[in-house]
């Protein structure tokens, strides 16, 4: 399954190569690749109804998110060949970008034995990677409107363009049986580590532990935000007193901006409860370590 526009056309080119490799292996494959999300979803539902036992996504986090809505808590396995802008879920599963691997290796990984992974569930749908609120949503909106660049640098540019909208908000979080109030610039609820094309906002998130990681970044100036992102790769941001990290099986979010996004896509409004559903997804992985 492909989103033909993902990666500014790279996904469509890679998709043709993947199909050729599958044909060389004499696999029973049905290609799905429509121009709109609605048409792709209809094609996906038809494939599932006809008995498909694995959906291989050639694309990014948005297409993964679409497929997850329909294969969660089923025996249909997900395979991923990363070809989008962010590829955060693939990155968390140890699946390297197509630029560093041959097509045969990518197909081998996508068709590997699946493992059971957790998913995030909300009243508005499932999420594979991270559900977020606040400035990260503003950045995502800007990034989705940018025609360039086609890779993860788009999020860097979007962050710079969104800086005038930087502000914090008061949020109430009910973490299992405990309730806390935070003043938050960015709220991230992670099943896996990454959002925004490789930013490890939830660096200890593990999609096999049955828990979600909740990271709240307190009020930041524009200069502090830049410093914050610079401190993410070496994990030193976790020592910042404005950063709170919690772990729970579920979290109820009230207050703040009303919009939640998941896997780089609009999810729905708050208040909302997000829960970690253990083993809800079967997926082929790379190196989970």
Protein backbone atom coordinates (compact mmCIF):
# COMPACT_ATOMS: atom_id res chain seq x y z
CA UNK A 1 0.00 0.00 0.00
CA UNK A 2 1.38 3.38 -0.97
CA UNK A 3 0.55 7.04 -0.68
CA UNK A 4 1.77 8.11 -4.14
CA UNK A 5 2.53 11.66 -2.97
CA UNK A 6 4.60 10.66 0.08
CA UNK A 7 8.20 11.81 0.04
CA UNK A 8 7.48 14.08 -2.95
CA UNK A 9 7.13 11.09 -5.28
CA UNK A 10 9.86 8.94 -3.75
CA UNK A 11 7.26 6.55 -2.31
CA UNK A 12 5.70 5.88 -5.73
CA UNK A 13 9.10 5.08 -7.26
CA UNK A 14 10.03 2.79 -4.38
CA UNK A 15 6.59 1.14 -4.53
CA UNK A 16 7.20 0.05 -8.12
CA UNK A 17 10.54 -1.46 -7.09
CA UNK A 18 8.95 -3.27 -4.15
CA UNK A 19 6.22 -4.73 -6.37
CA UNK A 20 8.86 -5.97 -8.82
CA UNK A 21 10.74 -7.63 -5.96
CA UNK A 22 7.54 -9.28 -4.70
CA UNK A 23 6.77 -10.56 -8.19
CA UNK A 24 10.29 -11.94 -8.45
CA UNK A 25 9.55 -13.91 -5.27
CA UNK A 26 6.21 -15.11 -6.71
CA UNK A 27 4.24 -13.61 -3.81
CA UNK A 28 0.48 -13.13 -3.97
CA UNK A 29 0.34 -9.33 -3.76
CA UNK A 30 -2.47 -6.82 -4.28
CA UNK A 31 -1.18 -3.28 -4.94
CA UNK A 32 -3.12 -0.45 -3.28
CA UNK A 33 -2.33 3.17 -4.05
CA UNK A 34 -5.05 5.77 -4.44
CA UNK A 35 -4.72 9.55 -4.66
CA UNK A 36 -6.88 10.38 -1.63
CA UNK A 37 -6.99 9.14 1.95
CA UNK A 38 -10.65 8.19 1.52
CA UNK A 39 -9.98 6.10 -1.58
CA UNK A 40 -6.98 4.44 0.02
CA UNK A 41 -9.08 3.58 3.06
CA UNK A 42 -11.80 2.03 0.89
CA UNK A 43 -9.19 -0.02 -0.97
CA UNK A 44 -7.66 -1.13 2.33
CA UNK A 45 -11.04 -2.26 3.71
CA UNK A 46 -11.72 -4.22 0.52
CA UNK A 47 -8.33 -5.95 0.80
CA UNK A 48 -8.96 -6.86 4.42
CA UNK A 49 -12.42 -8.16 3.59
CA UNK A 50 -10.90 -10.38 0.89
CA UNK A 51 -8.61 -12.05 3.42
CA UNK A 52 -5.31 -10.15 3.33
CA UNK A 53 -3.04 -11.38 6.12
CA UNK A 54 -0.43 -8.61 5.94
CA UNK A 55 -0.50 -4.97 4.92
CA UNK A 56 2.87 -3.62 3.80
CA UNK A 57 3.01 0.18 3.91
CA UNK A 58 5.37 1.98 1.53
CA UNK A 59 5.15 5.46 2.98
CA UNK A 60 5.34 7.43 6.19
CA UNK A 61 3.65 7.80 9.55
CA UNK A 62 0.36 9.07 8.12
CA UNK A 63 -0.21 5.92 6.08
CA UNK A 64 0.87 3.75 9.01
CA UNK A 65 -1.69 5.57 11.15
CA UNK A 66 -4.44 4.91 8.59
CA UNK A 67 -3.67 1.19 8.44
CA UNK A 68 -3.41 0.86 12.22
CA UNK A 69 -7.02 2.04 12.57
CA UNK A 70 -8.14 -1.13 10.79
CA UNK A 71 -5.61 -3.81 11.81
CA UNK A 72 -5.45 -3.02 15.56
CA UNK A 73 -6.52 -5.99 17.68
CA UNK A 74 -6.65 -8.32 14.67
CA UNK A 75 -4.34 -11.04 13.36
CA UNK A 76 -3.42 -8.99 10.28
CA UNK A 77 0.25 -8.06 10.41
CA UNK A 78 1.78 -4.71 9.48
CA UNK A 79 5.00 -4.37 7.49
CA UNK A 80 6.68 -1.01 6.89
CA UNK A 81 8.97 0.19 4.11
CA UNK A 82 9.75 3.77 5.19
CA UNK A 83 9.28 6.32 2.40
CA UNK A 84 7.65 9.32 4.08
CA UNK A 85 8.87 12.59 5.54
CA UNK A 86 9.15 11.60 9.20
CA UNK A 87 9.15 7.77 9.36
CA UNK A 88 9.09 7.97 13.17
CA UNK A 89 7.31 4.67 13.81
CA UNK A 90 9.63 2.78 11.47
CA UNK A 91 12.62 4.46 13.15
CA UNK A 92 11.41 3.34 16.58
CA UNK A 93 11.05 -0.23 15.30
CA UNK A 94 14.63 -0.24 14.05
CA UNK A 95 13.62 -0.18 10.38
CA UNK A 96 16.14 1.92 8.51
CA UNK A 97 15.28 4.37 5.75
CA UNK A 98 15.23 3.02 2.21
CA UNK A 99 18.19 5.20 1.21
CA UNK A 100 20.51 3.02 3.29
CA UNK A 101 19.18 -0.40 2.25
CA UNK A 102 18.45 -2.34 -0.89
CA UNK A 103 14.89 -3.17 -1.89
CA UNK A 104 15.38 -6.88 -1.20
CA UNK A 105 16.43 -6.12 2.39
CA UNK A 106 13.47 -3.79 2.87
CA UNK A 107 11.06 -6.48 1.67
CA UNK A 108 12.76 -9.07 3.91
CA UNK A 109 12.14 -6.86 6.94
CA UNK A 110 8.55 -6.01 6.00
CA UNK A 111 7.74 -9.71 5.57
CA UNK A 112 9.54 -10.84 8.72
CA UNK A 113 7.87 -12.67 11.58
CA UNK A 114 5.61 -10.19 13.38
CA UNK A 115 5.81 -9.36 17.07
CA UNK A 116 3.10 -8.01 19.32
CA UNK A 117 3.38 -4.28 20.00
CA UNK A 118 1.36 -1.87 22.13
CA UNK A 119 -0.80 0.88 20.68
CA UNK A 120 -2.30 4.08 22.07
CA UNK A 121 -6.09 4.26 22.06
CA UNK A 122 -8.18 7.42 22.41
CA UNK A 123 -11.87 8.19 21.89
CA UNK A 124 -10.86 9.48 18.45
CA UNK A 125 -8.89 6.46 17.25
CA UNK A 126 -5.62 4.58 17.53
CA UNK A 127 -2.07 5.92 17.47
CA UNK A 128 1.19 4.07 16.90
CA UNK A 129 3.89 6.53 17.98
CA UNK A 130 3.10 9.72 19.90
CA UNK A 131 -0.02 11.72 20.74
CA UNK A 132 0.84 15.37 21.26
CA UNK A 133 -0.63 18.73 22.22
CA UNK A 134 0.64 22.31 22.22
CA UNK A 135 3.45 23.87 20.20
CA UNK A 136 4.27 20.54 18.54
CA UNK A 137 0.80 20.59 16.97
CA UNK A 138 1.39 24.12 15.67
CA UNK A 139 4.69 22.96 14.16
CA UNK A 140 3.03 19.96 12.53
CA UNK A 141 0.38 22.13 10.94
CA UNK A 142 3.04 24.41 9.48
CA UNK A 143 5.14 21.45 8.28
CA UNK A 144 2.18 19.90 6.48
CA UNK A 145 1.71 23.10 4.48
CA UNK A 146 5.33 23.41 3.38
CA UNK A 147 6.12 22.18 -0.14
CA UNK A 148 9.82 21.87 0.69
CA UNK A 149 12.06 20.25 1.81
CA UNK A 150 10.74 16.70 1.25
CA UNK A 151 12.57 15.15 4.20
CA UNK A 152 12.86 15.65 7.95
CA UNK A 153 14.37 19.13 7.50
CA UNK A 154 10.81 20.28 6.90
CA UNK A 155 10.13 20.03 10.66
CA UNK A 156 13.18 22.14 11.47
CA UNK A 157 11.98 24.87 9.11
CA UNK A 158 8.42 24.56 10.44
CA UNK A 159 9.64 25.00 14.04
CA UNK A 160 11.38 28.24 13.10
CA UNK A 161 8.31 29.53 11.26
CA UNK A 162 6.00 28.61 14.17
CA UNK A 163 8.04 30.34 16.89
CA UNK A 164 5.81 33.46 17.02
CA UNK A 165 2.97 31.19 18.21
CA UNK A 166 4.99 29.73 21.09
CA UNK A 167 3.05 29.79 24.37
CA UNK A 168 2.17 27.53 27.30
CA UNK A 169 -1.18 26.44 28.71
CA UNK A 170 -2.51 24.99 31.95
CA UNK A 171 -3.35 21.28 31.62
CA UNK A 172 -4.80 18.77 34.06
CA UNK A 173 -3.53 15.21 33.72
CA UNK A 174 -5.07 12.24 35.48
CA UNK A 175 -2.37 9.57 35.41
CA UNK A 176 -4.02 6.31 36.44
CA UNK A 177 -5.13 7.25 39.98
CA UNK A 178 -3.06 10.45 40.40
CA UNK A 179 -4.07 13.92 39.20
CA UNK A 180 -1.51 16.65 38.47
CA UNK A 181 -1.65 20.11 36.97
CA UNK A 182 1.10 21.31 34.65
CA UNK A 183 1.90 24.46 32.70
CA UNK A 184 2.88 22.95 29.38
CA UNK A 185 4.36 24.17 26.11
CA UNK A 186 4.56 20.67 24.63
CA UNK A 187 2.77 17.57 25.86
CA UNK A 188 3.79 14.22 24.41
CA UNK A 189 2.24 10.84 25.20
CA UNK A 190 4.51 8.20 23.76
CA UNK A 191 4.18 4.57 22.81
CA UNK A 192 7.49 4.92 21.00
CA UNK A 193 10.37 7.41 21.25
CA UNK A 194 10.06 9.73 18.30
CA UNK A 195 8.02 12.53 16.76
CA UNK A 196 8.86 15.32 14.33
CA UNK A 197 11.20 13.23 12.16
CA UNK A 198 13.51 11.74 14.74
CA UNK A 199 13.11 13.93 17.84
CA UNK A 200 13.30 11.48 20.76
CA UNK A 201 10.75 13.32 22.88
CA UNK A 202 9.97 10.13 24.86
CA UNK A 203 13.44 8.56 24.90
CA UNK A 204 12.56 5.65 27.19
CA UNK A 205 9.24 4.70 25.60
CA UNK A 206 8.98 0.97 24.91
CA UNK A 207 6.17 -0.35 22.67
CA UNK A 208 6.22 -3.71 24.46
CA UNK A 209 5.91 -2.68 28.13
CA UNK A 210 2.17 -1.96 28.37
CA UNK A 211 2.77 1.61 29.58
CA UNK A 212 2.73 5.06 28.03
CA UNK A 213 5.37 7.70 28.65
CA UNK A 214 4.00 11.19 29.38
CA UNK A 215 6.43 14.07 28.85
CA UNK A 216 5.42 17.66 29.62
CA UNK A 217 7.68 20.57 28.68
CA UNK A 218 6.97 23.65 30.79
CA UNK A 219 6.95 27.32 29.73
CA UNK A 220 9.85 28.12 27.39
CA UNK A 221 11.08 31.27 25.74
CA UNK A 222 11.99 31.09 22.06
CA UNK A 223 15.67 30.88 22.94
CA UNK A 224 14.97 28.17 25.51
CA UNK A 225 13.02 26.17 22.94
CA UNK A 226 15.98 26.13 20.57
CA UNK A 227 18.25 25.04 23.43
CA UNK A 228 15.71 22.40 24.42
CA UNK A 229 15.74 20.77 20.97
CA UNK A 230 19.54 20.88 20.95
CA UNK A 231 19.53 18.94 24.24
CA UNK A 232 17.27 16.12 23.03
CA UNK A 233 19.84 13.94 21.21
CA UNK A 234 22.00 13.41 24.31
CA UNK A 235 18.96 13.13 26.66
CA UNK A 236 20.20 16.05 28.77
CA UNK A 237 16.78 17.72 28.39
CA UNK A 238 15.52 15.22 30.97
CA UNK A 239 17.56 17.09 33.59
CA UNK A 240 15.78 20.36 32.83
CA UNK A 241 13.53 21.31 35.80
CA UNK A 242 10.87 22.40 33.32
CA UNK A 243 10.56 18.82 32.01
CA UNK A 244 8.26 16.35 33.75
CA UNK A 245 8.20 12.66 32.85
CA UNK A 246 5.55 10.23 34.05
CA UNK A 247 4.58 6.66 33.21
CA UNK A 248 1.07 5.28 33.37
CA UNK A 249 -1.32 2.88 31.70
CA UNK A 250 -3.74 5.69 30.92
CA UNK A 251 -3.92 9.47 31.08
CA UNK A 252 -6.90 11.81 30.94
CA UNK A 253 -6.10 15.20 29.41
CA UNK A 254 -8.13 18.31 30.21
CA UNK A 255 -7.40 21.92 29.37
CA UNK A 256 -4.80 23.49 27.15
CA UNK A 257 -5.31 23.78 23.43
CA UNK A 258 -8.22 21.64 22.37
CA UNK A 259 -6.45 19.80 19.56
CA UNK A 260 -4.59 16.51 19.89
CA UNK A 261 -2.51 15.14 17.03
CA UNK A 262 -1.22 11.60 16.62
CA UNK A 263 1.53 10.27 14.35
CA UNK A 264 1.69 13.67 12.65
CA UNK A 265 -2.04 13.70 11.85
CA UNK A 266 -5.06 15.43 13.46
CA UNK A 267 -6.62 13.18 16.11
CA UNK A 268 -9.40 15.05 17.93
CA UNK A 269 -10.27 17.42 20.78
CA UNK A 270 -9.74 17.31 24.51
CA UNK A 271 -10.83 16.35 27.07
CA UNK A 272 -9.79 12.83 26.16
CA UNK A 273 -8.43 9.71 27.80
CA UNK A 274 -5.48 7.96 26.17
CA UNK A 275 -4.73 4.37 27.14
CA UNK A 276 -1.93 1.97 26.30
CA UNK A 277 -3.38 -1.27 24.89
CA UNK A 278 -0.80 -4.01 25.30
CA UNK A 279 -0.10 -6.22 22.28
CA UNK A 280 -2.75 -4.56 20.12
CA UNK A 281 -0.66 -4.61 16.93
CA UNK A 282 1.18 -7.34 15.06
CA UNK A 283 4.10 -5.81 13.18
CA UNK A 284 7.33 -6.84 11.53
CA UNK A 285 10.27 -5.04 13.14
CA UNK A 286 13.95 -4.40 12.67
CA UNK A 287 16.16 -3.94 15.71
CA UNK A 288 13.93 -2.97 18.64
CA UNK A 289 16.99 -2.46 20.87
